[in-house]
Structure formats: C-alpha cells, structure tokens
Amino acid sequence: LSHFSFAQTANGWTDNDVCHQWFEKTFVPWSRSRNISGQPILWVCDGHGSHETTEMEKIAYDNNIIMLCLPPHVTHMMQPLDVGVFGPFQKAWVKHCEDSAIEGDPVTQFNIVHRYMKIRAKYVTKATVTAAFKHSGIWPINRDVFTKEDFAPSLNFSTEPSMPSSFP
C-alpha cells in the first residue's frame, strides 16, 4: 500500500489540509514516477474548495501538473471516476459487506483493508478508468458527448410550462 495514504478529520470529511497533504505526499510523487513522456500531468477534480488552495496550485505549477477543476453541479455527468468507476465499485462493496454480515463473516477492523482492496482490484482497472474518461468526454476530448438537454433544468425548475400531450 505504498502509493496509498490514510487520514482522518474530526467530521469525517476531507478538508484543505488533508487534500493538500494527499496531493503533495501521495499524488505528486506517484504520478511523476509514472510520467515517462515528460508531458504535463492532468489532474481532474470536482471543484470542491479543498481542491483549489493556493498551496496546491503552487505545488501543481512546480511539478508540471495542470489542475482541471470541473464546474459545480455538473460533476454527476462529467467527473469520470464518479460516473464510471466509484459508483459500480461502491455498489459492489456495499453488497460484499451485506453478504458477509448475513453469512456470519462481517467486515471488521482486522479484515477491511484486505477485503476492500480485493473488491477494488475488480472495479478500479485501467479499462474502467479509460472508459470512464471517454464516456465523460474528457479523454479523448469529445465536446459532443453531452447535449443541451443533458444540462437543461429539471421540469420542476423549467421556465417552460409542462402540459399533457393531449393539450390543444
């Protein structure tokens, strides 16, 4: 688990410090060690405030990393890992935990990392990550992957009246 890092916060949510530490101590060294082309590294994030600190921007600049922060409220479609990797992985993990509890072999503090990594290995693969980036239109770049309707307001918030098709 040398390329993983673990942290905790008082409220259980990431914050500026945790994100900064992960970015500097885990992401930068790991990604630079795999960058054989010397080209800039692209880091895609969801635009959460903890991902855009001045310190992180400087670290990114110093390490030839381009930070692409997606706009708020569109990440459910555009954030590739949420859409194509973490969603299916989370469902599989929840199912594993539920099935294990029913079978009398629950996930515990002693087996969680091993079990988690086993499930993760099935869902976080080069193929699923590549497909997720393609599906989101980020790589290869595809500006036509979404239509205007994909970003239209829901009917609850639409300025157009909704009427039955039989209305004259």
C-alpha atoms as a PDB file:
ATOM      1  CA  LEU A   1       0.000   0.000   0.000  1.00  0.00           C
ATOM      2  CA  SER A   2       2.933   2.310  -0.560  1.00  0.00           C
ATOM      3  CA  HIS A   3       1.033   4.508  -3.004  1.00  0.00           C
ATOM      4  CA  PHE A   4      -1.943   4.935  -0.673  1.00  0.00           C
ATOM      5  CA  SER A   5      -2.402   7.366   2.150  1.00  0.00           C
ATOM      6  CA  PHE A   6      -4.840   7.375   5.010  1.00  0.00           C
ATOM      7  CA  ALA A   7      -6.100  10.324   7.016  1.00  0.00           C
ATOM      8  CA  GLN A   8      -8.942  11.302   9.272  1.00  0.00           C
ATOM      9  CA  THR A   9     -10.691  14.506  10.176  1.00  0.00           C
ATOM     10  CA  ALA A  10     -12.906  15.373  13.118  1.00  0.00           C
ATOM     11  CA  ASN A  11     -16.065  15.412  10.993  1.00  0.00           C
ATOM     12  CA  GLY A  12     -15.125  12.649   8.537  1.00  0.00           C
ATOM     13  CA  TRP A  13     -14.997  14.941   5.504  1.00  0.00           C
ATOM     14  CA  THR A  14     -11.928  15.998   3.586  1.00  0.00           C
ATOM     15  CA  ASP A  15     -10.578  19.455   4.272  1.00  0.00           C
ATOM     16  CA  ASN A  16      -7.887  21.728   2.865  1.00  0.00           C
ATOM     17  CA  ASP A  17      -5.113  20.218   4.979  1.00  0.00           C
ATOM     18  CA  VAL A  18      -5.937  16.576   4.208  1.00  0.00           C
ATOM     19  CA  CYS A  19      -6.303  17.262   0.497  1.00  0.00           C
ATOM     20  CA  HIS A  20      -3.095  19.295   0.411  1.00  0.00           C
ATOM     21  CA  GLN A  21      -1.145  16.575   2.223  1.00  0.00           C
ATOM     22  CA  TRP A  22      -2.511  13.867  -0.094  1.00  0.00           C
ATOM     23  CA  PHE A  23      -1.745  15.924  -3.191  1.00  0.00           C
ATOM     24  CA  GLU A  24       1.816  16.752  -2.134  1.00  0.00           C
ATOM     25  CA  LYS A  25       2.832  13.496  -0.441  1.00  0.00           C
ATOM     26  CA  THR A  26       0.929  10.903  -2.495  1.00  0.00           C
ATOM     27  CA  PHE A  27      -0.386  12.151  -5.832  1.00  0.00           C
ATOM     28  CA  VAL A  28       2.604  14.211  -6.974  1.00  0.00           C
ATOM     29  CA  PRO A  29       5.304  11.585  -6.299  1.00  0.00           C
ATOM     30  CA  TRP A  30       3.158   8.723  -7.626  1.00  0.00           C
ATOM     31  CA  SER A  31       2.119  10.472 -10.841  1.00  0.00           C
ATOM     32  CA  ARG A  32       5.590  11.880 -11.527  1.00  0.00           C
ATOM     33  CA  SER A  33       7.132   8.421 -11.137  1.00  0.00           C
ATOM     34  CA  ARG A  34       4.825   7.151 -13.892  1.00  0.00           C
ATOM     35  CA  ASN A  35       5.167  10.094 -16.267  1.00  0.00           C
ATOM     36  CA  ILE A  36       7.623   8.700 -18.806  1.00  0.00           C
ATOM     37  CA  SER A  37       6.682  11.216 -21.519  1.00  0.00           C
ATOM     38  CA  GLY A  38       7.628  14.339 -19.572  1.00  0.00           C
ATOM     39  CA  GLN A  39       4.367  15.921 -20.716  1.00  0.00           C
ATOM     40  CA  PRO A  40       2.238  17.839 -18.184  1.00  0.00           C
ATOM     41  CA  ILE A  41       0.100  15.726 -15.882  1.00  0.00           C
ATOM     42  CA  LEU A  42      -3.633  16.444 -15.890  1.00  0.00           C
ATOM     43  CA  TRP A  43      -5.410  16.315 -12.531  1.00  0.00           C
ATOM     44  CA  VAL A  44      -9.212  16.421 -12.812  1.00  0.00           C
ATOM     45  CA  CYS A  45     -11.172  17.356  -9.704  1.00  0.00           C
ATOM     46  CA  ASP A  46     -14.710  18.306  -8.797  1.00  0.00           C
ATOM     47  CA  GLY A  47     -14.101  21.939  -7.894  1.00  0.00           C
ATOM     48  CA  HIS A  48     -14.551  21.408  -4.139  1.00  0.00           C
ATOM     49  CA  GLY A  49     -12.890  24.263  -2.269  1.00  0.00           C
ATOM     50  CA  SER A  50     -10.353  21.934  -0.668  1.00  0.00           C
ATOM     51  CA  HIS A  51      -9.031  21.059  -4.141  1.00  0.00           C
ATOM     52  CA  GLU A  52      -8.168  24.599  -5.140  1.00  0.00           C
ATOM     53  CA  THR A  53      -5.946  26.030  -2.448  1.00  0.00           C
ATOM     54  CA  THR A  54      -3.135  28.434  -3.251  1.00  0.00           C
ATOM     55  CA  GLU A  55      -0.631  25.952  -1.827  1.00  0.00           C
ATOM     56  CA  MET A  56      -1.876  23.169  -4.098  1.00  0.00           C
ATOM     57  CA  GLU A  57      -1.830  25.432  -7.136  1.00  0.00           C
ATOM     58  CA  LYS A  58       1.829  26.262  -6.424  1.00  0.00           C
ATOM     59  CA  ILE A  59       2.734  22.601  -5.948  1.00  0.00           C
ATOM     60  CA  ALA A  60       0.940  21.756  -9.200  1.00  0.00           C
ATOM     61  CA  TYR A  61       2.748  24.527 -11.066  1.00  0.00           C
ATOM     62  CA  ASP A  62       6.133  23.490  -9.672  1.00  0.00           C
ATOM     63  CA  ASN A  63       5.516  19.875 -10.741  1.00  0.00           C
ATOM     64  CA  ASN A  64       4.122  20.472 -14.244  1.00  0.00           C
ATOM     65  CA  ILE A  65       0.603  19.444 -13.219  1.00  0.00           C
ATOM     66  CA  ILE A  66      -2.436  21.020 -14.833  1.00  0.00           C
ATOM     67  CA  MET A  67      -5.391  21.290 -12.453  1.00  0.00           C
ATOM     68  CA  LEU A  68      -8.733  20.917 -14.243  1.00  0.00           C
ATOM     69  CA  CYS A  69     -11.477  21.781 -11.776  1.00  0.00           C
ATOM     70  CA  LEU A  70     -14.920  20.966 -13.108  1.00  0.00           C
ATOM     71  CA  PRO A  71     -17.729  23.455 -12.521  1.00  0.00           C
ATOM     72  CA  PRO A  72     -20.104  22.779  -9.638  1.00  0.00           C
ATOM     73  CA  HIS A  73     -23.345  20.844 -10.155  1.00  0.00           C
ATOM     74  CA  VAL A  74     -22.236  19.071 -13.337  1.00  0.00           C
ATOM     75  CA  THR A  75     -19.902  16.526 -11.814  1.00  0.00           C
ATOM     76  CA  HIS A  76     -22.607  13.863 -11.745  1.00  0.00           C
ATOM     77  CA  MET A  77     -22.088  13.593 -15.510  1.00  0.00           C
ATOM     78  CA  MET A  78     -18.598  14.914 -16.112  1.00  0.00           C
ATOM     79  CA  GLN A  79     -16.492  13.573 -13.280  1.00  0.00           C
ATOM     80  CA  PRO A  80     -15.220  10.390 -14.869  1.00  0.00           C
ATOM     81  CA  LEU A  81     -14.326   8.360 -11.809  1.00  0.00           C
ATOM     82  CA  ASP A  82     -17.589   9.111 -10.008  1.00  0.00           C
ATOM     83  CA  VAL A  83     -19.609   8.128 -13.068  1.00  0.00           C
ATOM     84  CA  GLY A  84     -17.834   5.054 -14.339  1.00  0.00           C
ATOM     85  CA  VAL A  85     -15.708   3.653 -11.537  1.00  0.00           C
ATOM     86  CA  PHE A  86     -16.648   4.630  -7.982  1.00  0.00           C
ATOM     87  CA  GLY A  87     -20.407   4.124  -8.456  1.00  0.00           C
ATOM     88  CA  PRO A  88     -20.156   0.460  -9.522  1.00  0.00           C
ATOM     89  CA  PHE A  89     -17.335  -0.126  -7.023  1.00  0.00           C
ATOM     90  CA  GLN A  90     -19.389   1.311  -4.152  1.00  0.00           C
ATOM     91  CA  LYS A  91     -22.365  -0.913  -5.038  1.00  0.00           C
ATOM     92  CA  ALA A  92     -20.120  -3.975  -5.081  1.00  0.00           C
ATOM     93  CA  TRP A  93     -18.520  -3.012  -1.751  1.00  0.00           C
ATOM     94  CA  VAL A  94     -21.898  -2.482  -0.060  1.00  0.00           C
ATOM     95  CA  LYS A  95     -23.125  -5.828  -1.416  1.00  0.00           C
ATOM     96  CA  HIS A  96     -19.969  -7.540  -0.145  1.00  0.00           C
ATOM     97  CA  CYS A  97     -20.418  -6.031   3.329  1.00  0.00           C
ATOM     98  CA  GLU A  98     -24.093  -7.015   3.471  1.00  0.00           C
ATOM     99  CA  ASP A  99     -23.475 -10.553   2.172  1.00  0.00           C
ATOM    100  CA  SER A 100     -20.572 -11.045   4.584  1.00  0.00           C
ATOM    101  CA  ALA A 101     -22.700  -9.965   7.544  1.00  0.00           C
ATOM    102  CA  ILE A 102     -25.526 -12.313   6.520  1.00  0.00           C
ATOM    103  CA  GLU A 103     -23.046 -15.195   6.175  1.00  0.00           C
ATOM    104  CA  GLY A 104     -21.678 -14.533   9.679  1.00  0.00           C
ATOM    105  CA  ASP A 105     -18.299 -13.291   8.471  1.00  0.00           C
ATOM    106  CA  PRO A 106     -18.660  -9.499   8.773  1.00  0.00           C
ATOM    107  CA  VAL A 107     -16.140  -6.913   7.683  1.00  0.00           C
ATOM    108  CA  THR A 108     -14.068  -5.914  10.708  1.00  0.00           C
ATOM    109  CA  GLN A 109     -11.153  -3.651  11.507  1.00  0.00           C
ATOM    110  CA  PHE A 110      -8.895  -6.664  11.013  1.00  0.00           C
ATOM    111  CA  ASN A 111     -10.028  -7.653   7.515  1.00  0.00           C
ATOM    112  CA  ILE A 112     -11.357  -4.432   5.997  1.00  0.00           C
ATOM    113  CA  VAL A 113      -8.226  -3.400   4.086  1.00  0.00           C
ATOM    114  CA  HIS A 114      -7.687  -6.831   2.527  1.00  0.00           C
ATOM    115  CA  ARG A 115     -11.339  -7.192   1.524  1.00  0.00           C
ATOM    116  CA  TYR A 116     -11.606  -3.623   0.304  1.00  0.00           C
ATOM    117  CA  MET A 117      -8.516  -3.988  -1.875  1.00  0.00           C
ATOM    118  CA  LYS A 118      -9.800  -7.271  -3.317  1.00  0.00           C
ATOM    119  CA  ILE A 119     -13.097  -5.671  -4.409  1.00  0.00           C
ATOM    120  CA  ARG A 120     -11.286  -2.528  -5.563  1.00  0.00           C
ATOM    121  CA  ALA A 121      -8.988  -4.558  -7.826  1.00  0.00           C
ATOM    122  CA  LYS A 122     -12.030  -5.785  -9.762  1.00  0.00           C
ATOM    123  CA  TYR A 123     -13.520  -2.332 -10.332  1.00  0.00           C
ATOM    124  CA  VAL A 124     -10.636   0.134 -10.455  1.00  0.00           C
ATOM    125  CA  THR A 125      -8.828  -1.065 -13.557  1.00  0.00           C
ATOM    126  CA  LYS A 126      -7.138   0.610 -16.481  1.00  0.00           C
ATOM    127  CA  ALA A 127     -10.064  -0.449 -18.685  1.00  0.00           C
ATOM    128  CA  THR A 128     -12.774   1.013 -16.411  1.00  0.00           C
ATOM    129  CA  VAL A 129     -10.874   4.256 -15.832  1.00  0.00           C
ATOM    130  CA  THR A 130     -10.161   4.681 -19.558  1.00  0.00           C
ATOM    131  CA  ALA A 131     -13.812   4.002 -20.418  1.00  0.00           C
ATOM    132  CA  ALA A 132     -14.972   6.488 -17.768  1.00  0.00           C
ATOM    133  CA  PHE A 133     -12.784   9.274 -19.172  1.00  0.00           C
ATOM    134  CA  LYS A 134     -14.069   8.525 -22.675  1.00  0.00           C
ATOM    135  CA  HIS A 135     -17.707   8.423 -21.518  1.00  0.00           C
ATOM    136  CA  SER A 136     -17.331  11.812 -19.801  1.00  0.00           C
ATOM    137  CA  GLY A 137     -15.762  13.372 -22.912  1.00  0.00           C
ATOM    138  CA  ILE A 138     -12.560  14.337 -21.098  1.00  0.00           C
ATOM    139  CA  TRP A 139     -10.202  11.966 -22.971  1.00  0.00           C
ATOM    140  CA  PRO A 140     -10.207  11.722 -25.812  1.00  0.00           C
ATOM    141  CA  ILE A 141     -11.774  15.179 -25.847  1.00  0.00           C
ATOM    142  CA  ASN A 142     -15.333  14.982 -27.143  1.00  0.00           C
ATOM    143  CA  ARG A 143     -17.361  18.159 -26.841  1.00  0.00           C
ATOM    144  CA  ASP A 144     -20.391  16.407 -28.326  1.00  0.00           C
ATOM    145  CA  VAL A 145     -20.688  13.726 -25.668  1.00  0.00           C
ATOM    146  CA  PHE A 146     -23.475  15.724 -23.960  1.00  0.00           C
ATOM    147  CA  THR A 147     -26.462  17.509 -25.445  1.00  0.00           C
ATOM    148  CA  LYS A 148     -28.109  20.744 -24.301  1.00  0.00           C
ATOM    149  CA  GLU A 149     -30.869  18.613 -22.803  1.00  0.00           C
ATOM    150  CA  ASP A 150     -28.346  16.943 -20.516  1.00  0.00           C
ATOM    151  CA  PHE A 151     -27.803  20.300 -18.800  1.00  0.00           C
ATOM    152  CA  ALA A 152     -31.351  21.605 -19.061  1.00  0.00           C
ATOM    153  CA  PRO A 153     -33.169  22.395 -15.823  1.00  0.00           C
ATOM    154  CA  SER A 154     -35.456  19.720 -14.470  1.00  0.00           C
ATOM    155  CA  LEU A 155     -39.157  20.122 -15.149  1.00  0.00           C
ATOM    156  CA  ASN A 156     -39.589  21.351 -11.573  1.00  0.00           C
ATOM    157  CA  PHE A 157     -37.370  24.341 -12.345  1.00  0.00           C
ATOM    158  CA  SER A 158     -38.045  24.818 -16.043  1.00  0.00           C
ATOM    159  CA  THR A 159     -39.361  28.149 -17.301  1.00  0.00           C
ATOM    160  CA  GLU A 160     -41.373  26.319 -19.962  1.00  0.00           C
ATOM    161  CA  PRO A 161     -44.859  25.161 -18.994  1.00  0.00           C
ATOM    162  CA  SER A 162     -45.316  21.412 -18.998  1.00  0.00           C
ATOM    163  CA  MET A 163     -48.629  20.283 -20.381  1.00  0.00           C
ATOM    164  CA  PRO A 164     -50.037  16.914 -21.328  1.00  0.00           C
ATOM    165  CA  SER A 165     -49.533  15.914 -24.968  1.00  0.00           C
ATOM    166  CA  SER A 166     -53.313  15.969 -25.451  1.00  0.00           C
ATOM    167  CA  PHE A 167     -53.471  19.691 -24.563  1.00  0.00           C
ATOM    168  CA  PRO A 168     -54.561  21.730 -27.618  1.00  0.00           C
END
